[in-house]
Full PDB file with SEQRES, HELIX, SHEET, SSBOND, CRYST1, ORIGX, SCALE, CONECT and MASTER records, all heavy atoms in Angstrom:
SEQRES   1 A   30  ALA ARG LEU ASP GLU LEU ARG ASN ARG ILE ASP THR GLY          
SEQRES   2 A   30  GLY SER LEU MET ALA ASN THR HIS VAL ALA ALA ALA ILE          
SEQRES   3 A   30  ASP TYR ILE ARG                                              
HELIX    1 AA1 ARG A    2  THR A   12  1                                  11    
HELIX    2 AA2 GLY A   14  LEU A   16  5                                   3    
HELIX    3 AA3 ASN A   19  ALA A   25  1                                   7    
CRYST1    1.000    1.000    1.000  90.00  90.00  90.00 P 1           1          
ORIGX1      1.000000  0.000000  0.000000        0.00000                         
ORIGX2      0.000000  1.000000  0.000000        0.00000                         
ORIGX3      0.000000  0.000000  1.000000        0.00000                         
SCALE1      1.000000  0.000000  0.000000        0.00000                         
SCALE2      0.000000  1.000000  0.000000        0.00000                         
SCALE3      0.000000  0.000000  1.000000        0.00000                         
ATOM      1  N   ALA A   1      -3.742 -13.021  -4.866  1.00  0.00           N  
ATOM      2  CA  ALA A   1      -3.727 -13.134  -3.399  1.00  0.00           C  
ATOM      3  C   ALA A   1      -2.603 -12.271  -2.821  1.00  0.00           C  
ATOM      4  O   ALA A   1      -2.796 -11.570  -1.820  1.00  0.00           O  
ATOM      5  CB  ALA A   1      -3.566 -14.591  -2.984  1.00  0.00           C  
ATOM      6  N   ARG A   2      -1.439 -12.309  -3.442  1.00  0.00           N  
ATOM      7  CA  ARG A   2      -0.317 -11.500  -2.951  1.00  0.00           C  
ATOM      8  C   ARG A   2      -0.581 -10.010  -3.150  1.00  0.00           C  
ATOM      9  O   ARG A   2      -0.229  -9.184  -2.308  1.00  0.00           O  
ATOM     10  CB  ARG A   2       0.967 -11.925  -3.653  1.00  0.00           C  
ATOM     11  CG  ARG A   2       1.419 -13.291  -3.197  1.00  0.00           C  
ATOM     12  CD  ARG A   2       2.667 -13.743  -3.892  1.00  0.00           C  
ATOM     13  NE  ARG A   2       3.066 -15.066  -3.409  1.00  0.00           N  
ATOM     14  CZ  ARG A   2       3.894 -15.850  -4.041  1.00  0.00           C  
ATOM     15  NH1 ARG A   2       4.459 -15.476  -5.178  1.00  0.00           N  
ATOM     16  NH2 ARG A   2       4.198 -17.028  -3.533  1.00  0.00           N  
ATOM     17  N   LEU A   3      -1.191  -9.666  -4.270  1.00  0.00           N  
ATOM     18  CA  LEU A   3      -1.531  -8.270  -4.521  1.00  0.00           C  
ATOM     19  C   LEU A   3      -2.544  -7.771  -3.496  1.00  0.00           C  
ATOM     20  O   LEU A   3      -2.437  -6.649  -2.988  1.00  0.00           O  
ATOM     21  CB  LEU A   3      -2.057  -8.101  -5.942  1.00  0.00           C  
ATOM     22  CG  LEU A   3      -2.390  -6.680  -6.384  1.00  0.00           C  
ATOM     23  CD1 LEU A   3      -1.159  -5.775  -6.307  1.00  0.00           C  
ATOM     24  CD2 LEU A   3      -2.952  -6.696  -7.804  1.00  0.00           C  
ATOM     25  N   ASP A   4      -3.548  -8.595  -3.180  1.00  0.00           N  
ATOM     26  CA  ASP A   4      -4.517  -8.217  -2.148  1.00  0.00           C  
ATOM     27  C   ASP A   4      -3.840  -7.980  -0.804  1.00  0.00           C  
ATOM     28  O   ASP A   4      -4.160  -7.025  -0.096  1.00  0.00           O  
ATOM     29  CB  ASP A   4      -5.590  -9.304  -1.990  1.00  0.00           C  
ATOM     30  CG  ASP A   4      -6.708  -9.175  -3.004  1.00  0.00           C  
ATOM     31  OD1 ASP A   4      -6.849  -8.083  -3.592  1.00  0.00           O  
ATOM     32  OD2 ASP A   4      -7.437 -10.161  -3.206  1.00  0.00           O  
ATOM     33  N   GLU A   5      -2.911  -8.850  -0.450  1.00  0.00           N  
ATOM     34  CA  GLU A   5      -2.190  -8.686   0.818  1.00  0.00           C  
ATOM     35  C   GLU A   5      -1.388  -7.387   0.813  1.00  0.00           C  
ATOM     36  O   GLU A   5      -1.373  -6.652   1.795  1.00  0.00           O  
ATOM     37  CB  GLU A   5      -1.270  -9.884   1.068  1.00  0.00           C  
ATOM     38  CG  GLU A   5      -0.490  -9.794   2.361  1.00  0.00           C  
ATOM     39  CD  GLU A   5      -1.357  -9.743   3.616  1.00  0.00           C  
ATOM     40  OE1 GLU A   5      -2.503 -10.246   3.593  1.00  0.00           O  
ATOM     41  OE2 GLU A   5      -0.877  -9.199   4.633  1.00  0.00           O  
ATOM     42  N   LEU A   6      -0.720  -7.092  -0.280  1.00  0.00           N  
ATOM     43  CA  LEU A   6       0.046  -5.857  -0.376  1.00  0.00           C  
ATOM     44  C   LEU A   6      -0.870  -4.644  -0.257  1.00  0.00           C  
ATOM     45  O   LEU A   6      -0.580  -3.688   0.467  1.00  0.00           O  
ATOM     46  CB  LEU A   6       0.825  -5.811  -1.690  1.00  0.00           C  
ATOM     47  CG  LEU A   6       1.637  -4.550  -1.968  1.00  0.00           C  
ATOM     48  CD1 LEU A   6       2.659  -4.303  -0.857  1.00  0.00           C  
ATOM     49  CD2 LEU A   6       2.313  -4.651  -3.318  1.00  0.00           C  
ATOM     50  N   ARG A   7      -1.996  -4.677  -0.957  1.00  0.00           N  
ATOM     51  CA  ARG A   7      -2.949  -3.566  -0.884  1.00  0.00           C  
ATOM     52  C   ARG A   7      -3.507  -3.417   0.524  1.00  0.00           C  
ATOM     53  O   ARG A   7      -3.692  -2.291   1.008  1.00  0.00           O  
ATOM     54  CB  ARG A   7      -4.069  -3.772  -1.896  1.00  0.00           C  
ATOM     55  CG  ARG A   7      -3.604  -3.575  -3.330  1.00  0.00           C  
ATOM     56  CD  ARG A   7      -4.691  -3.930  -4.314  1.00  0.00           C  
ATOM     57  NE  ARG A   7      -4.328  -3.551  -5.669  1.00  0.00           N  
ATOM     58  CZ  ARG A   7      -5.059  -3.834  -6.726  1.00  0.00           C  
ATOM     59  NH1 ARG A   7      -6.198  -4.494  -6.596  1.00  0.00           N  
ATOM     60  NH2 ARG A   7      -4.661  -3.458  -7.920  1.00  0.00           N  
ATOM     61  N   ASN A   8      -3.802  -4.538   1.201  1.00  0.00           N  
ATOM     62  CA  ASN A   8      -4.269  -4.470   2.580  1.00  0.00           C  
ATOM     63  C   ASN A   8      -3.241  -3.793   3.478  1.00  0.00           C  
ATOM     64  O   ASN A   8      -3.573  -2.980   4.339  1.00  0.00           O  
ATOM     65  CB  ASN A   8      -4.575  -5.866   3.125  1.00  0.00           C  
ATOM     66  CG  ASN A   8      -5.820  -6.468   2.519  1.00  0.00           C  
ATOM     67  OD1 ASN A   8      -6.664  -5.764   1.971  1.00  0.00           O  
ATOM     68  ND2 ASN A   8      -5.935  -7.781   2.596  1.00  0.00           N  
ATOM     69  N   ARG A   9      -1.988  -4.136   3.291  1.00  0.00           N  
ATOM     70  CA  ARG A   9      -0.934  -3.533   4.116  1.00  0.00           C  
ATOM     71  C   ARG A   9      -0.766  -2.056   3.822  1.00  0.00           C  
ATOM     72  O   ARG A   9      -0.491  -1.265   4.716  1.00  0.00           O  
ATOM     73  CB  ARG A   9       0.376  -4.290   3.919  1.00  0.00           C  
ATOM     74  CG  ARG A   9       0.301  -5.649   4.579  1.00  0.00           C  
ATOM     75  CD  ARG A   9       1.574  -6.425   4.399  1.00  0.00           C  
ATOM     76  NE  ARG A   9       1.389  -7.779   4.900  1.00  0.00           N  
ATOM     77  CZ  ARG A   9       2.286  -8.397   5.645  1.00  0.00           C  
ATOM     78  NH1 ARG A   9       3.411  -7.830   5.956  1.00  0.00           N  
ATOM     79  NH2 ARG A   9       2.044  -9.618   6.065  1.00  0.00           N  
ATOM     80  N   ILE A  10      -0.934  -1.660   2.568  1.00  0.00           N  
ATOM     81  CA  ILE A  10      -0.879  -0.235   2.230  1.00  0.00           C  
ATOM     82  C   ILE A  10      -2.049   0.489   2.886  1.00  0.00           C  
ATOM     83  O   ILE A  10      -1.879   1.557   3.484  1.00  0.00           O  
ATOM     84  CB  ILE A  10      -0.884  -0.025   0.700  1.00  0.00           C  
ATOM     85  CG1 ILE A  10       0.450  -0.479   0.099  1.00  0.00           C  
ATOM     86  CG2 ILE A  10      -1.167   1.436   0.354  1.00  0.00           C  
ATOM     87  CD1 ILE A  10       0.463  -0.526  -1.414  1.00  0.00           C  
ATOM     88  N   ASP A  11      -3.248  -0.095   2.806  1.00  0.00           N  
ATOM     89  CA  ASP A  11      -4.436   0.549   3.370  1.00  0.00           C  
ATOM     90  C   ASP A  11      -4.359   0.681   4.888  1.00  0.00           C  
ATOM     91  O   ASP A  11      -4.881   1.631   5.455  1.00  0.00           O  
ATOM     92  CB  ASP A  11      -5.697  -0.232   2.992  1.00  0.00           C  
ATOM     93  CG  ASP A  11      -6.123   0.016   1.550  1.00  0.00           C  
ATOM     94  OD1 ASP A  11      -5.672   1.013   0.962  1.00  0.00           O  
ATOM     95  OD2 ASP A  11      -6.901  -0.789   1.007  1.00  0.00           O  
ATOM     96  N   THR A  12      -3.713  -0.264   5.554  1.00  0.00           N  
ATOM     97  CA  THR A  12      -3.667  -0.243   7.023  1.00  0.00           C  
ATOM     98  C   THR A  12      -2.306   0.191   7.561  1.00  0.00           C  
ATOM     99  O   THR A  12      -2.080   0.152   8.760  1.00  0.00           O  
ATOM    100  CB  THR A  12      -4.009  -1.629   7.602  1.00  0.00           C  
ATOM    101  OG1 THR A  12      -3.065  -2.582   7.119  1.00  0.00           O  
ATOM    102  CG2 THR A  12      -5.423  -2.038   7.229  1.00  0.00           C  
ATOM    103  N   GLY A  13      -1.415   0.628   6.684  1.00  0.00           N  
ATOM    104  CA  GLY A  13      -0.061   0.993   7.094  1.00  0.00           C  
ATOM    105  C   GLY A  13       0.027   2.213   7.981  1.00  0.00           C  
ATOM    106  O   GLY A  13       0.997   2.393   8.689  1.00  0.00           O  
ATOM    107  N   GLY A  14      -0.977   3.067   7.950  1.00  0.00           N  
ATOM    108  CA  GLY A  14      -0.943   4.263   8.771  1.00  0.00           C  
ATOM    109  C   GLY A  14       0.261   5.132   8.461  1.00  0.00           C  
ATOM    110  O   GLY A  14       0.738   5.190   7.333  1.00  0.00           O  
ATOM    111  N   SER A  15       0.769   5.797   9.472  1.00  0.00           N  
ATOM    112  CA  SER A  15       1.894   6.711   9.267  1.00  0.00           C  
ATOM    113  C   SER A  15       3.238   6.021   9.469  1.00  0.00           C  
ATOM    114  O   SER A  15       4.272   6.666   9.468  1.00  0.00           O  
ATOM    115  CB  SER A  15       1.774   7.890  10.229  1.00  0.00           C  
ATOM    116  OG  SER A  15       1.811   7.428  11.562  1.00  0.00           O  
ATOM    117  N   LEU A  16       3.242   4.718   9.680  1.00  0.00           N  
ATOM    118  CA  LEU A  16       4.489   4.005   9.919  1.00  0.00           C  
ATOM    119  C   LEU A  16       5.293   3.787   8.650  1.00  0.00           C  
ATOM    120  O   LEU A  16       6.452   3.406   8.704  1.00  0.00           O  
ATOM    121  CB  LEU A  16       4.211   2.658  10.591  1.00  0.00           C  
ATOM    122  CG  LEU A  16       3.585   2.764  11.978  1.00  0.00           C  
ATOM    123  CD1 LEU A  16       3.288   1.373  12.515  1.00  0.00           C  
ATOM    124  CD2 LEU A  16       4.508   3.511  12.920  1.00  0.00           C  
ATOM    125  N   MET A  17       4.681   4.003   7.505  1.00  0.00           N  
ATOM    126  CA  MET A  17       5.429   3.886   6.268  1.00  0.00           C  
ATOM    127  C   MET A  17       4.959   4.949   5.288  1.00  0.00           C  
ATOM    128  O   MET A  17       3.865   5.476   5.418  1.00  0.00           O  
ATOM    129  CB  MET A  17       5.258   2.501   5.647  1.00  0.00           C  
ATOM    130  CG  MET A  17       3.918   2.231   5.014  1.00  0.00           C  
ATOM    131  SD  MET A  17       3.947   0.641   4.193  1.00  0.00           S  
ATOM    132  CE  MET A  17       2.491   0.741   3.205  1.00  0.00           C  
ATOM    133  N   ALA A  18       5.789   5.272   4.353  1.00  0.00           N  
ATOM    134  CA  ALA A  18       5.425   6.234   3.324  1.00  0.00           C  
ATOM    135  C   ALA A  18       4.553   5.505   2.306  1.00  0.00           C  
ATOM    136  O   ALA A  18       5.009   5.112   1.239  1.00  0.00           O  
ATOM    137  CB  ALA A  18       6.670   6.811   2.675  1.00  0.00           C  
ATOM    138  N   ASN A  19       3.288   5.273   2.668  1.00  0.00           N  
ATOM    139  CA  ASN A  19       2.429   4.436   1.831  1.00  0.00           C  
ATOM    140  C   ASN A  19       2.108   5.065   0.481  1.00  0.00           C  
ATOM    141  O   ASN A  19       1.799   4.364  -0.458  1.00  0.00           O  
ATOM    142  CB  ASN A  19       1.166   4.001   2.581  1.00  0.00           C  
ATOM    143  CG  ASN A  19       0.443   5.143   3.205  1.00  0.00           C  
ATOM    144  OD1 ASN A  19       0.490   6.256   2.709  1.00  0.00           O  
ATOM    145  ND2 ASN A  19      -0.225   4.885   4.307  1.00  0.00           N  
ATOM    146  N   THR A  20       2.188   6.376   0.367  1.00  0.00           N  
ATOM    147  CA  THR A  20       1.945   6.998  -0.937  1.00  0.00           C  
ATOM    148  C   THR A  20       3.032   6.591  -1.921  1.00  0.00           C  
ATOM    149  O   THR A  20       2.760   6.291  -3.082  1.00  0.00           O  
ATOM    150  CB  THR A  20       1.887   8.530  -0.804  1.00  0.00           C  
ATOM    151  OG1 THR A  20       0.821   8.861   0.081  1.00  0.00           O  
ATOM    152  CG2 THR A  20       1.638   9.197  -2.137  1.00  0.00           C  
ATOM    153  N   HIS A  21       4.257   6.553  -1.442  1.00  0.00           N  
ATOM    154  CA  HIS A  21       5.363   6.139  -2.310  1.00  0.00           C  
ATOM    155  C   HIS A  21       5.190   4.682  -2.741  1.00  0.00           C  
ATOM    156  O   HIS A  21       5.353   4.341  -3.908  1.00  0.00           O  
ATOM    157  CB  HIS A  21       6.685   6.326  -1.572  1.00  0.00           C  
ATOM    158  CG  HIS A  21       7.879   5.877  -2.348  1.00  0.00           C  
ATOM    159  ND1 HIS A  21       8.346   6.552  -3.453  1.00  0.00           N  
ATOM    160  CD2 HIS A  21       8.674   4.800  -2.207  1.00  0.00           C  
ATOM    161  CE1 HIS A  21       9.391   5.925  -3.941  1.00  0.00           C  
ATOM    162  NE2 HIS A  21       9.613   4.852  -3.209  1.00  0.00           N  
ATOM    163  N   VAL A  22       4.840   3.817  -1.793  1.00  0.00           N  
ATOM    164  CA  VAL A  22       4.645   2.400  -2.104  1.00  0.00           C  
ATOM    165  C   VAL A  22       3.454   2.224  -3.039  1.00  0.00           C  
ATOM    166  O   VAL A  22       3.526   1.478  -4.015  1.00  0.00           O  
ATOM    167  CB  VAL A  22       4.455   1.575  -0.816  1.00  0.00           C  
ATOM    168  CG1 VAL A  22       4.152   0.116  -1.128  1.00  0.00           C  
ATOM    169  CG2 VAL A  22       5.684   1.691   0.079  1.00  0.00           C  
ATOM    170  N   ALA A  23       2.356   2.909  -2.757  1.00  0.00           N  
ATOM    171  CA  ALA A  23       1.164   2.810  -3.605  1.00  0.00           C  
ATOM    172  C   ALA A  23       1.476   3.285  -5.025  1.00  0.00           C  
ATOM    173  O   ALA A  23       1.040   2.666  -6.003  1.00  0.00           O  
ATOM    174  CB  ALA A  23       0.021   3.624  -2.998  1.00  0.00           C  
ATOM    175  N   ALA A  24       2.225   4.366  -5.136  1.00  0.00           N  
ATOM    176  CA  ALA A  24       2.577   4.879  -6.463  1.00  0.00           C  
ATOM    177  C   ALA A  24       3.434   3.869  -7.224  1.00  0.00           C  
ATOM    178  O   ALA A  24       3.311   3.734  -8.438  1.00  0.00           O  
ATOM    179  CB  ALA A  24       3.323   6.204  -6.338  1.00  0.00           C  
ATOM    180  N   ALA A  25       4.283   3.139  -6.515  1.00  0.00           N  
ATOM    181  CA  ALA A  25       5.173   2.180  -7.162  1.00  0.00           C  
ATOM    182  C   ALA A  25       4.404   1.048  -7.821  1.00  0.00           C  
ATOM    183  O   ALA A  25       4.866   0.483  -8.806  1.00  0.00           O  
ATOM    184  CB  ALA A  25       6.166   1.623  -6.147  1.00  0.00           C  
ATOM    185  N   ILE A  26       3.237   0.708  -7.277  1.00  0.00           N  
ATOM    186  CA  ILE A  26       2.441  -0.370  -7.872  1.00  0.00           C  
ATOM    187  C   ILE A  26       1.155   0.155  -8.506  1.00  0.00           C  
ATOM    188  O   ILE A  26       0.246  -0.604  -8.828  1.00  0.00           O  
ATOM    189  CB  ILE A  26       2.112  -1.477  -6.850  1.00  0.00           C  
ATOM    190  CG1 ILE A  26       1.226  -0.949  -5.712  1.00  0.00           C  
ATOM    191  CG2 ILE A  26       3.368  -2.117  -6.312  1.00  0.00           C  
ATOM    192  CD1 ILE A  26       0.592  -2.034  -4.879  1.00  0.00           C  
ATOM    193  N   ASP A  27       1.070   1.476  -8.685  1.00  0.00           N  
ATOM    194  CA  ASP A  27      -0.121   2.105  -9.282  1.00  0.00           C  
ATOM    195  C   ASP A  27      -1.405   1.733  -8.550  1.00  0.00           C  
ATOM    196  O   ASP A  27      -2.413   1.391  -9.170  1.00  0.00           O  
ATOM    197  CB  ASP A  27      -0.252   1.757 -10.771  1.00  0.00           C  
ATOM    198  CG  ASP A  27       0.674   2.572 -11.633  1.00  0.00           C  
ATOM    199  OD1 ASP A  27       1.157   3.610 -11.164  1.00  0.00           O  
ATOM    200  OD2 ASP A  27       0.910   2.183 -12.781  1.00  0.00           O  
ATOM    201  N   TYR A  28      -1.367   1.801  -7.228  1.00  0.00           N  
ATOM    202  CA  TYR A  28      -2.547   1.520  -6.409  1.00  0.00           C  
ATOM    203  C   TYR A  28      -3.011   2.812  -5.763  1.00  0.00           C  
ATOM    204  O   TYR A  28      -2.210   3.644  -5.357  1.00  0.00           O  
ATOM    205  CB  TYR A  28      -2.203   0.479  -5.336  1.00  0.00           C  
ATOM    206  CG  TYR A  28      -3.317   0.249  -4.343  1.00  0.00           C  
ATOM    207  CD1 TYR A  28      -4.541  -0.258  -4.772  1.00  0.00           C  
ATOM    208  CD2 TYR A  28      -3.169   0.573  -3.008  1.00  0.00           C  
ATOM    209  CE1 TYR A  28      -5.571  -0.459  -3.874  1.00  0.00           C  
ATOM    210  CE2 TYR A  28      -4.194   0.362  -2.090  1.00  0.00           C  
ATOM    211  CZ  TYR A  28      -5.391  -0.141  -2.535  1.00  0.00           C  
ATOM    212  OH  TYR A  28      -6.430  -0.322  -1.650  1.00  0.00           O  
ATOM    213  N   ILE A  29      -4.318   2.990  -5.650  1.00  0.00           N  
ATOM    214  CA  ILE A  29      -4.889   4.153  -4.982  1.00  0.00           C  
ATOM    215  C   ILE A  29      -5.344   3.701  -3.608  1.00  0.00           C  
ATOM    216  O   ILE A  29      -6.255   2.880  -3.482  1.00  0.00           O  
ATOM    217  CB  ILE A  29      -6.120   4.723  -5.737  1.00  0.00           C  
ATOM    218  CG1 ILE A  29      -5.903   4.974  -7.220  1.00  0.00           C  
ATOM    219  CG2 ILE A  29      -6.597   5.992  -5.047  1.00  0.00           C  
ATOM    220  CD1 ILE A  29      -4.696   5.512  -7.736  1.00  0.00           C  
ATOM    221  N   ARG A  30      -4.706   4.213  -2.579  1.00  0.00           N  
ATOM    222  CA  ARG A  30      -5.041   3.824  -1.208  1.00  0.00           C  
ATOM    223  C   ARG A  30      -6.525   4.073  -0.936  1.00  0.00           C  
ATOM    224  O   ARG A  30      -7.050   5.134  -1.202  1.00  0.00           O  
ATOM    225  CB  ARG A  30      -4.196   4.620  -0.230  1.00  0.00           C  
ATOM    226  CG  ARG A  30      -4.417   4.193   1.190  1.00  0.00           C  
ATOM    227  CD  ARG A  30      -3.435   4.845   2.125  1.00  0.00           C  
ATOM    228  NE  ARG A  30      -3.631   4.285   3.452  1.00  0.00           N  
ATOM    229  CZ  ARG A  30      -3.516   4.974   4.554  1.00  0.00           C  
ATOM    230  NH1 ARG A  30      -3.124   6.225   4.509  1.00  0.00           N  
ATOM    231  NH2 ARG A  30      -3.743   4.408   5.706  1.00  0.00           N  
TER     232      ARG A  30                                                      
MASTER        0    0    0    3    0    0    0    6  231    1    0    3          
END                                                                             
């Protein structure tokens, strides 16, 4: 459930965060 929430936030983060860096940290593909 927490991983899903994190992935949702990465997917909807837009340009307000460096989501590629965050996605890479958890090995997630946006």
